[in-house]
Amino acid sequence: MSPKELLYIEDALGHTKQIKTVCCDLSNQLGDTELSNFVSQIAQKQQQTFDRFYGLL
């Protein structure tokens, strides 16, 4: 893997982790249960994306 490709994967990992954190925080603050569950699902999908990118290393 080239250094440029590694930097791309590291960047993608950082972005997916940040999105997951924001979604988890938002989900905990939402009063609407349905909306909170939807945002939690987005957080879970971000975790799956993180895991896939991490698997490339």
C-alpha atoms as a PDB file:
ATOM      1  CA  MET A   1       0.000   0.000   0.000  1.00  0.00           C
ATOM      2  CA  SER A   2       1.400   3.374  -0.961  1.00  0.00           C
ATOM      3  CA  PRO A   3       1.821   6.180   1.589  1.00  0.00           C
ATOM      4  CA  LYS A   4      -0.852   8.174  -0.235  1.00  0.00           C
ATOM      5  CA  GLU A   5      -3.333   5.294   0.012  1.00  0.00           C
ATOM      6  CA  LEU A   6      -2.546   4.880   3.700  1.00  0.00           C
ATOM      7  CA  LEU A   7      -3.197   8.574   4.309  1.00  0.00           C
ATOM      8  CA  TYR A   8      -6.523   8.269   2.518  1.00  0.00           C
ATOM      9  CA  ILE A   9      -7.574   5.339   4.711  1.00  0.00           C
ATOM     10  CA  GLU A  10      -6.460   7.132   7.885  1.00  0.00           C
ATOM     11  CA  ASP A  11      -8.447  10.191   6.814  1.00  0.00           C
ATOM     12  CA  ALA A  12     -11.522   8.085   6.084  1.00  0.00           C
ATOM     13  CA  LEU A  13     -11.205   6.388   9.484  1.00  0.00           C
ATOM     14  CA  GLY A  14     -11.104   9.763  11.197  1.00  0.00           C
ATOM     15  CA  HIS A  15     -14.155  11.012   9.327  1.00  0.00           C
ATOM     16  CA  THR A  16     -16.250   7.925   9.992  1.00  0.00           C
ATOM     17  CA  LYS A  17     -15.296   7.980  13.676  1.00  0.00           C
ATOM     18  CA  GLN A  18     -16.253  11.649  13.940  1.00  0.00           C
ATOM     19  CA  ILE A  19     -19.605  11.104  12.213  1.00  0.00           C
ATOM     20  CA  LYS A  20     -20.363   8.176  14.513  1.00  0.00           C
ATOM     21  CA  THR A  21     -19.557  10.260  17.592  1.00  0.00           C
ATOM     22  CA  VAL A  22     -21.758  13.138  16.411  1.00  0.00           C
ATOM     23  CA  CYS A  23     -24.623  10.761  15.634  1.00  0.00           C
ATOM     24  CA  CYS A  24     -24.375   9.056  19.026  1.00  0.00           C
ATOM     25  CA  ASP A  25     -24.373  12.408  20.817  1.00  0.00           C
ATOM     26  CA  LEU A  26     -27.303  13.672  18.747  1.00  0.00           C
ATOM     27  CA  SER A  27     -29.271  10.468  19.258  1.00  0.00           C
ATOM     28  CA  ASN A  28     -28.955  10.864  23.027  1.00  0.00           C
ATOM     29  CA  GLN A  29     -30.226  14.452  22.848  1.00  0.00           C
ATOM     30  CA  LEU A  30     -33.257  13.851  20.635  1.00  0.00           C
ATOM     31  CA  GLY A  31     -36.649  13.655  22.275  1.00  0.00           C
ATOM     32  CA  ASP A  32     -38.333  11.929  19.348  1.00  0.00           C
ATOM     33  CA  THR A  33     -37.775   8.193  19.764  1.00  0.00           C
ATOM     34  CA  GLU A  34     -38.214   7.389  16.086  1.00  0.00           C
ATOM     35  CA  LEU A  35     -35.734  10.056  15.021  1.00  0.00           C
ATOM     36  CA  SER A  36     -33.322   9.004  17.761  1.00  0.00           C
ATOM     37  CA  ASN A  37     -33.449   5.395  16.541  1.00  0.00           C
ATOM     38  CA  PHE A  38     -32.851   6.536  12.963  1.00  0.00           C
ATOM     39  CA  VAL A  39     -29.766   8.518  13.972  1.00  0.00           C
ATOM     40  CA  SER A  40     -28.550   5.531  16.024  1.00  0.00           C
ATOM     41  CA  GLN A  41     -28.798   3.391  12.893  1.00  0.00           C
ATOM     42  CA  ILE A  42     -26.659   5.905  11.031  1.00  0.00           C
ATOM     43  CA  ALA A  43     -24.097   5.656  13.838  1.00  0.00           C
ATOM     44  CA  GLN A  44     -24.103   1.867  13.513  1.00  0.00           C
ATOM     45  CA  LYS A  45     -23.566   2.092   9.750  1.00  0.00           C
ATOM     46  CA  GLN A  46     -20.651   4.449  10.354  1.00  0.00           C
ATOM     47  CA  GLN A  47     -19.148   1.868  12.705  1.00  0.00           C
ATOM     48  CA  GLN A  48     -19.496  -0.760   9.975  1.00  0.00           C
ATOM     49  CA  THR A  49     -17.805   1.583   7.513  1.00  0.00           C
ATOM     50  CA  PHE A  50     -15.020   2.214  10.031  1.00  0.00           C
ATOM     51  CA  ASP A  51     -14.547  -1.524  10.485  1.00  0.00           C
ATOM     52  CA  ARG A  52     -14.319  -2.049   6.710  1.00  0.00           C
ATOM     53  CA  PHE A  53     -11.726   0.682   6.278  1.00  0.00           C
ATOM     54  CA  TYR A  54      -9.787  -0.599   9.282  1.00  0.00           C
ATOM     55  CA  GLY A  55      -9.811  -4.054   7.715  1.00  0.00           C
ATOM     56  CA  LEU A  56      -7.846  -2.655   4.775  1.00  0.00           C
ATOM     57  CA  LEU A  57      -4.871  -1.975   7.019  1.00  0.00           C
END
